[in-house]
């Protein structure tokens, strides 16, 4: 949930910054459009990188949790089997 809030805040902040910058910039329309395209590519790349990093982090946490729960499940099954053979 924190990652989603971070990404949403990043996108909103970037959009507000871009809008303010372009509305007050002393450039021609063509220059502004070119700059907008360049900066939007940079923001897209940064957003993709952040999303990829968070996805990798989530996968790591999920894999760790699966391993821990599998080990716990095996322990429980071993105890049940031990009690059943008594």
C-alpha atoms as a PDB file:
ATOM      1  CA  UNK A   1       0.000   0.000   0.000  1.00  0.00           C
ATOM      2  CA  UNK A   2       2.877   2.348   0.767  1.00  0.00           C
ATOM      3  CA  UNK A   3       4.326   1.745  -2.694  1.00  0.00           C
ATOM      4  CA  UNK A   4       1.029   2.649  -4.335  1.00  0.00           C
ATOM      5  CA  UNK A   5       0.795   5.863  -2.314  1.00  0.00           C
ATOM      6  CA  UNK A   6       4.403   6.691  -3.202  1.00  0.00           C
ATOM      7  CA  UNK A   7       3.807   6.161  -6.904  1.00  0.00           C
ATOM      8  CA  UNK A   8       0.554   8.130  -6.881  1.00  0.00           C
ATOM      9  CA  UNK A   9       2.206  10.996  -4.999  1.00  0.00           C
ATOM     10  CA  UNK A  10       5.115  10.950  -7.435  1.00  0.00           C
ATOM     11  CA  UNK A  11       2.812  11.116 -10.467  1.00  0.00           C
ATOM     12  CA  UNK A  12       0.655  13.894  -9.003  1.00  0.00           C
ATOM     13  CA  UNK A  13       3.698  15.909  -7.932  1.00  0.00           C
ATOM     14  CA  UNK A  14       5.388  15.490 -11.284  1.00  0.00           C
ATOM     15  CA  UNK A  15       2.224  16.545 -13.107  1.00  0.00           C
ATOM     16  CA  UNK A  16       1.749  19.630 -10.948  1.00  0.00           C
ATOM     17  CA  UNK A  17       5.384  20.617 -11.387  1.00  0.00           C
ATOM     18  CA  UNK A  18       5.221  20.177 -15.135  1.00  0.00           C
ATOM     19  CA  UNK A  19       2.013  22.167 -15.421  1.00  0.00           C
ATOM     20  CA  UNK A  20       3.388  25.057 -13.374  1.00  0.00           C
ATOM     21  CA  UNK A  21       6.628  25.059 -15.308  1.00  0.00           C
ATOM     22  CA  UNK A  22       4.997  25.077 -18.714  1.00  0.00           C
ATOM     23  CA  UNK A  23       2.434  27.706 -17.868  1.00  0.00           C
ATOM     24  CA  UNK A  24       5.123  30.136 -16.741  1.00  0.00           C
ATOM     25  CA  UNK A  25       7.865  29.277 -19.251  1.00  0.00           C
ATOM     26  CA  UNK A  26       9.013  31.955 -21.712  1.00  0.00           C
ATOM     27  CA  UNK A  27       9.357  29.501 -24.652  1.00  0.00           C
ATOM     28  CA  UNK A  28       7.611  28.981 -27.933  1.00  0.00           C
ATOM     29  CA  UNK A  29       4.954  26.323 -28.182  1.00  0.00           C
ATOM     30  CA  UNK A  30       7.205  24.038 -30.227  1.00  0.00           C
ATOM     31  CA  UNK A  31      10.044  24.265 -27.679  1.00  0.00           C
ATOM     32  CA  UNK A  32       7.610  23.640 -24.842  1.00  0.00           C
ATOM     33  CA  UNK A  33       6.202  20.550 -26.567  1.00  0.00           C
ATOM     34  CA  UNK A  34       9.673  19.155 -27.215  1.00  0.00           C
ATOM     35  CA  UNK A  35      10.684  19.750 -23.629  1.00  0.00           C
ATOM     36  CA  UNK A  36       7.429  18.200 -22.413  1.00  0.00           C
ATOM     37  CA  UNK A  37       8.062  15.059 -24.479  1.00  0.00           C
ATOM     38  CA  UNK A  38      11.637  14.768 -23.183  1.00  0.00           C
ATOM     39  CA  UNK A  39      10.677  15.279 -19.552  1.00  0.00           C
ATOM     40  CA  UNK A  40       7.685  12.948 -19.762  1.00  0.00           C
ATOM     41  CA  UNK A  41      10.008  10.218 -21.042  1.00  0.00           C
ATOM     42  CA  UNK A  42      12.311  10.829 -18.074  1.00  0.00           C
ATOM     43  CA  UNK A  43       9.384  10.652 -15.624  1.00  0.00           C
ATOM     44  CA  UNK A  44       8.068   7.520 -17.326  1.00  0.00           C
ATOM     45  CA  UNK A  45      11.471   5.864 -17.032  1.00  0.00           C
ATOM     46  CA  UNK A  46      11.770   6.880 -13.371  1.00  0.00           C
ATOM     47  CA  UNK A  47       8.275   5.573 -12.660  1.00  0.00           C
ATOM     48  CA  UNK A  48       8.987   2.275 -14.410  1.00  0.00           C
ATOM     49  CA  UNK A  49      12.211   1.894 -12.448  1.00  0.00           C
ATOM     50  CA  UNK A  50      10.447   2.587  -9.133  1.00  0.00           C
ATOM     51  CA  UNK A  51       7.644   0.170  -9.990  1.00  0.00           C
ATOM     52  CA  UNK A  52      10.126  -2.525 -11.022  1.00  0.00           C
ATOM     53  CA  UNK A  53      12.077  -2.118  -7.784  1.00  0.00           C
ATOM     54  CA  UNK A  54       8.912  -2.313  -5.676  1.00  0.00           C
ATOM     55  CA  UNK A  55       7.735  -5.380  -7.606  1.00  0.00           C
ATOM     56  CA  UNK A  56      11.068  -7.101  -7.025  1.00  0.00           C
ATOM     57  CA  UNK A  57      10.845  -6.224  -3.320  1.00  0.00           C
ATOM     58  CA  UNK A  58       7.315  -7.620  -3.120  1.00  0.00           C
ATOM     59  CA  UNK A  59       8.356 -10.834  -4.886  1.00  0.00           C
ATOM     60  CA  UNK A  60      11.243 -11.256  -2.472  1.00  0.00           C
ATOM     61  CA  UNK A  61       8.964 -10.811   0.535  1.00  0.00           C
ATOM     62  CA  UNK A  62       6.425 -13.231  -0.942  1.00  0.00           C
ATOM     63  CA  UNK A  63       9.060 -15.895  -1.638  1.00  0.00           C
ATOM     64  CA  UNK A  64      10.481 -15.540   1.873  1.00  0.00           C
ATOM     65  CA  UNK A  65       7.017 -15.852   3.395  1.00  0.00           C
ATOM     66  CA  UNK A  66       6.211 -18.918   1.287  1.00  0.00           C
ATOM     67  CA  UNK A  67       9.434 -20.626   2.386  1.00  0.00           C
ATOM     68  CA  UNK A  68       8.771 -19.835   6.057  1.00  0.00           C
ATOM     69  CA  UNK A  69       5.168 -21.049   5.921  1.00  0.00           C
ATOM     70  CA  UNK A  70       6.169 -24.189   4.031  1.00  0.00           C
ATOM     71  CA  UNK A  71       8.756 -25.002   6.684  1.00  0.00           C
ATOM     72  CA  UNK A  72       6.199 -24.393   9.441  1.00  0.00           C
ATOM     73  CA  UNK A  73       3.664 -26.603   7.654  1.00  0.00           C
ATOM     74  CA  UNK A  74       6.206 -29.416   7.337  1.00  0.00           C
ATOM     75  CA  UNK A  75       6.985 -29.169  11.046  1.00  0.00           C
ATOM     76  CA  UNK A  76       3.303 -29.436  11.911  1.00  0.00           C
ATOM     77  CA  UNK A  77       2.834 -32.425   9.602  1.00  0.00           C
ATOM     78  CA  UNK A  78       5.887 -34.127  11.113  1.00  0.00           C
ATOM     79  CA  UNK A  79       4.488 -33.608  14.623  1.00  0.00           C
ATOM     80  CA  UNK A  80       1.079 -34.928  13.575  1.00  0.00           C
ATOM     81  CA  UNK A  81       2.675 -37.979  11.948  1.00  0.00           C
ATOM     82  CA  UNK A  82       4.785 -38.565  15.054  1.00  0.00           C
ATOM     83  CA  UNK A  83       1.745 -38.405  17.319  1.00  0.00           C
ATOM     84  CA  UNK A  84      -0.213 -40.690  14.975  1.00  0.00           C
ATOM     85  CA  UNK A  85       2.451 -43.384  15.180  1.00  0.00           C
ATOM     86  CA  UNK A  86       2.491 -43.404  18.972  1.00  0.00           C
END
